C-alpha atoms as a PDB file:
ATOM      1  CA  UNK A   1     -13.252   7.629   4.331  1.00  0.00           C
ATOM      2  CA  UNK A   2     -10.842   7.038   7.195  1.00  0.00           C
ATOM      3  CA  UNK A   3      -8.918   9.934   8.654  1.00  0.00           C
ATOM      4  CA  UNK A   4      -5.626  10.958   7.143  1.00  0.00           C
ATOM      5  CA  UNK A   5      -2.420  10.105   8.939  1.00  0.00           C
ATOM      6  CA  UNK A   6      -0.905  13.091  10.679  1.00  0.00           C
ATOM      7  CA  UNK A   7       2.850  13.560  10.514  1.00  0.00           C
ATOM      8  CA  UNK A   8       3.072  13.486  14.327  1.00  0.00           C
ATOM      9  CA  UNK A   9       1.469   9.997  14.303  1.00  0.00           C
ATOM     10  CA  UNK A  10       4.377   8.378  12.466  1.00  0.00           C
ATOM     11  CA  UNK A  11       6.805   6.305  14.535  1.00  0.00           C
ATOM     12  CA  UNK A  12       9.997   8.108  15.520  1.00  0.00           C
ATOM     13  CA  UNK A  13      12.252   5.251  14.406  1.00  0.00           C
ATOM     14  CA  UNK A  14      14.254   5.594  11.219  1.00  0.00           C
ATOM     15  CA  UNK A  15      12.107   4.419   8.292  1.00  0.00           C
ATOM     16  CA  UNK A  16      13.077   3.068   4.901  1.00  0.00           C
ATOM     17  CA  UNK A  17      11.172   1.604   1.984  1.00  0.00           C
ATOM     18  CA  UNK A  18      11.863  -1.243  -0.424  1.00  0.00           C
ATOM     19  CA  UNK A  19       9.852  -2.006  -3.541  1.00  0.00           C
ATOM     20  CA  UNK A  20      10.206  -5.402  -5.197  1.00  0.00           C
ATOM     21  CA  UNK A  21       9.717  -5.853  -8.929  1.00  0.00           C
ATOM     22  CA  UNK A  22       9.384  -9.161 -10.705  1.00  0.00           C
ATOM     23  CA  UNK A  23       7.191 -11.855 -12.107  1.00  0.00           C
ATOM     24  CA  UNK A  24       4.966 -13.910  -9.835  1.00  0.00           C
ATOM     25  CA  UNK A  25       6.366 -16.920  -7.972  1.00  0.00           C
ATOM     26  CA  UNK A  26       9.834 -15.382  -7.419  1.00  0.00           C
ATOM     27  CA  UNK A  27       9.508 -15.085  -3.622  1.00  0.00           C
ATOM     28  CA  UNK A  28       8.757 -11.363  -3.174  1.00  0.00           C
ATOM     29  CA  UNK A  29       5.958 -12.009  -0.666  1.00  0.00           C
ATOM     30  CA  UNK A  30       7.985 -14.731   1.061  1.00  0.00           C
ATOM     31  CA  UNK A  31      10.884 -12.318   1.530  1.00  0.00           C
ATOM     32  CA  UNK A  32       8.610  -9.541   2.848  1.00  0.00           C
ATOM     33  CA  UNK A  33       7.242 -11.929   5.465  1.00  0.00           C
ATOM     34  CA  UNK A  34      10.754 -12.423   6.863  1.00  0.00           C
ATOM     35  CA  UNK A  35      10.866  -8.798   8.074  1.00  0.00           C
ATOM     36  CA  UNK A  36      10.588  -8.247  11.833  1.00  0.00           C
ATOM     37  CA  UNK A  37       7.019  -8.235  13.191  1.00  0.00           C
ATOM     38  CA  UNK A  38       5.521  -7.658   9.774  1.00  0.00           C
ATOM     39  CA  UNK A  39       1.918  -6.934   8.837  1.00  0.00           C
ATOM     40  CA  UNK A  40       1.002  -7.439   5.198  1.00  0.00           C
ATOM     41  CA  UNK A  41      -1.812  -5.938   3.170  1.00  0.00           C
ATOM     42  CA  UNK A  42      -3.136  -8.282   0.479  1.00  0.00           C
ATOM     43  CA  UNK A  43      -4.644  -6.629  -2.592  1.00  0.00           C
ATOM     44  CA  UNK A  44      -4.479  -9.776  -4.720  1.00  0.00           C
ATOM     45  CA  UNK A  45      -7.745 -11.561  -5.384  1.00  0.00           C
ATOM     46  CA  UNK A  46      -6.243 -15.038  -5.569  1.00  0.00           C
ATOM     47  CA  UNK A  47      -5.389 -15.238  -1.871  1.00  0.00           C
ATOM     48  CA  UNK A  48      -1.728 -16.003  -2.580  1.00  0.00           C
ATOM     49  CA  UNK A  49      -0.567 -13.847   0.316  1.00  0.00           C
ATOM     50  CA  UNK A  50      -2.590 -15.914   2.798  1.00  0.00           C
ATOM     51  CA  UNK A  51      -0.997 -19.111   1.533  1.00  0.00           C
ATOM     52  CA  UNK A  52       2.525 -17.751   1.983  1.00  0.00           C
ATOM     53  CA  UNK A  53       1.706 -16.164   5.385  1.00  0.00           C
ATOM     54  CA  UNK A  54       0.531 -19.530   6.706  1.00  0.00           C
ATOM     55  CA  UNK A  55       4.096 -20.850   6.295  1.00  0.00           C
ATOM     56  CA  UNK A  56       5.241 -18.182   8.738  1.00  0.00           C
ATOM     57  CA  UNK A  57       2.284 -18.574  11.111  1.00  0.00           C
ATOM     58  CA  UNK A  58       1.622 -14.861  10.534  1.00  0.00           C
ATOM     59  CA  UNK A  59      -1.894 -13.762  11.531  1.00  0.00           C
ATOM     60  CA  UNK A  60      -1.321 -10.146  10.446  1.00  0.00           C
ATOM     61  CA  UNK A  61      -2.675 -10.361   6.911  1.00  0.00           C
ATOM     62  CA  UNK A  62      -5.237  -7.752   5.928  1.00  0.00           C
ATOM     63  CA  UNK A  63      -7.337  -7.623   2.759  1.00  0.00           C
ATOM     64  CA  UNK A  64      -7.714  -4.398   0.780  1.00  0.00           C
ATOM     65  CA  UNK A  65     -10.003  -3.656  -2.128  1.00  0.00           C
ATOM     66  CA  UNK A  66      -9.840   0.168  -2.050  1.00  0.00           C
ATOM     67  CA  UNK A  67      -7.297   2.825  -1.244  1.00  0.00           C
ATOM     68  CA  UNK A  68      -9.272   3.617   1.895  1.00  0.00           C
ATOM     69  CA  UNK A  69      -8.731  -0.008   3.026  1.00  0.00           C
ATOM     70  CA  UNK A  70      -4.996   0.569   2.607  1.00  0.00           C
ATOM     71  CA  UNK A  71      -5.249   3.849   4.524  1.00  0.00           C
ATOM     72  CA  UNK A  72      -6.965   2.009   7.407  1.00  0.00           C
ATOM     73  CA  UNK A  73      -4.281  -0.698   7.300  1.00  0.00           C
ATOM     74  CA  UNK A  74      -1.455   1.859   7.532  1.00  0.00           C
ATOM     75  CA  UNK A  75      -3.247   3.726  10.348  1.00  0.00           C
ATOM     76  CA  UNK A  76      -3.664   0.442  12.251  1.00  0.00           C
ATOM     77  CA  UNK A  77       0.013  -0.430  11.798  1.00  0.00           C
ATOM     78  CA  UNK A  78       1.206   2.986  12.954  1.00  0.00           C
ATOM     79  CA  UNK A  79      -0.955   2.788  16.063  1.00  0.00           C
ATOM     80  CA  UNK A  80       0.105  -0.784  16.911  1.00  0.00           C
ATOM     81  CA  UNK A  81       3.562  -0.781  18.559  1.00  0.00           C
ATOM     82  CA  UNK A  82       3.991  -4.546  18.004  1.00  0.00           C
ATOM     83  CA  UNK A  83       4.151  -4.022  14.234  1.00  0.00           C
ATOM     84  CA  UNK A  84       7.639  -3.042  13.078  1.00  0.00           C
ATOM     85  CA  UNK A  85       7.326  -3.625   9.324  1.00  0.00           C
ATOM     86  CA  UNK A  86       4.552  -3.328   6.775  1.00  0.00           C
ATOM     87  CA  UNK A  87       4.229  -4.757   3.285  1.00  0.00           C
ATOM     88  CA  UNK A  88       1.641  -4.126   0.597  1.00  0.00           C
ATOM     89  CA  UNK A  89       1.215  -6.838  -2.008  1.00  0.00           C
ATOM     90  CA  UNK A  90       0.937  -5.725  -4.721  1.00  0.00           C
ATOM     91  CA  UNK A  91       2.487  -2.341  -5.440  1.00  0.00           C
ATOM     92  CA  UNK A  92       0.803  -2.197  -8.835  1.00  0.00           C
ATOM     93  CA  UNK A  93      -2.613  -2.588  -7.183  1.00  0.00           C
ATOM     94  CA  UNK A  94      -1.686   0.092  -4.652  1.00  0.00           C
ATOM     95  CA  UNK A  95      -0.920   2.561  -7.462  1.00  0.00           C
ATOM     96  CA  UNK A  96      -4.166   1.703  -9.275  1.00  0.00           C
ATOM     97  CA  UNK A  97      -6.223   2.156  -6.090  1.00  0.00           C
ATOM     98  CA  UNK A  98      -4.541   5.494  -5.329  1.00  0.00           C
ATOM     99  CA  UNK A  99      -5.215   6.685  -8.882  1.00  0.00           C
ATOM    100  CA  UNK A 100      -8.847   5.579  -8.739  1.00  0.00           C
ATOM    101  CA  UNK A 101      -9.363   7.453  -5.466  1.00  0.00           C
ATOM    102  CA  UNK A 102      -7.709  10.604  -6.800  1.00  0.00           C
ATOM    103  CA  UNK A 103      -9.745  10.519  -9.995  1.00  0.00           C
ATOM    104  CA  UNK A 104     -12.905  10.086  -7.944  1.00  0.00           C
ATOM    105  CA  UNK A 105     -12.264  13.309  -6.009  1.00  0.00           C
ATOM    106  CA  UNK A 106     -10.267  15.455  -8.436  1.00  0.00           C
ATOM    107  CA  UNK A 107     -11.833  18.357 -10.259  1.00  0.00           C
ATOM    108  CA  UNK A 108     -11.274  18.666 -14.010  1.00  0.00           C
ATOM    109  CA  UNK A 109      -8.890  21.549 -13.296  1.00  0.00           C
ATOM    110  CA  UNK A 110      -6.774  19.327 -11.056  1.00  0.00           C
ATOM    111  CA  UNK A 111      -6.458  16.787 -13.855  1.00  0.00           C
ATOM    112  CA  UNK A 112      -4.636  19.303 -16.032  1.00  0.00           C
ATOM    113  CA  UNK A 113      -0.850  19.281 -15.920  1.00  0.00           C
ATOM    114  CA  UNK A 114       1.475  21.941 -17.297  1.00  0.00           C
ATOM    115  CA  UNK A 115       4.218  20.810 -19.626  1.00  0.00           C
ATOM    116  CA  UNK A 116       6.411  23.296 -21.463  1.00  0.00           C
ATOM    117  CA  UNK A 117       3.896  26.066 -20.825  1.00  0.00           C
ATOM    118  CA  UNK A 118       1.001  24.132 -22.370  1.00  0.00           C
ATOM    119  CA  UNK A 119      -1.976  22.675 -20.558  1.00  0.00           C
ATOM    120  CA  UNK A 120      -2.450  19.017 -21.336  1.00  0.00           C
ATOM    121  CA  UNK A 121      -4.888  16.623 -19.673  1.00  0.00           C
ATOM    122  CA  UNK A 122      -3.157  14.031 -17.515  1.00  0.00           C
ATOM    123  CA  UNK A 123      -5.927  11.495 -18.195  1.00  0.00           C
ATOM    124  CA  UNK A 124      -7.281  10.807 -21.675  1.00  0.00           C
END
């Protein structure tokens, strides 16, 4: 597993986040590639991100199949001063990869959540 990002490693510039929702073919990836000096992480298996990135002559497309791949991508972007924006396509895949990694390391006790004083498993 790659090393975790330390708080002191983050850029000092003001940061904000945007998450796009919508059906495919609406231009979410296209719009993300218009951001300044963007690097994009492609989690989609169809290679759609590569096709859109070619329109912009953008060589900064990275493939990710695990959450650790995404962690490496973010580390690379933080350490590369030429990259000003990052995009991860798709957000749904990102959430699934993060969940899969957590479930792979979590103890049964960590998978219990407290609701209204009762212990209920968070995964069934």
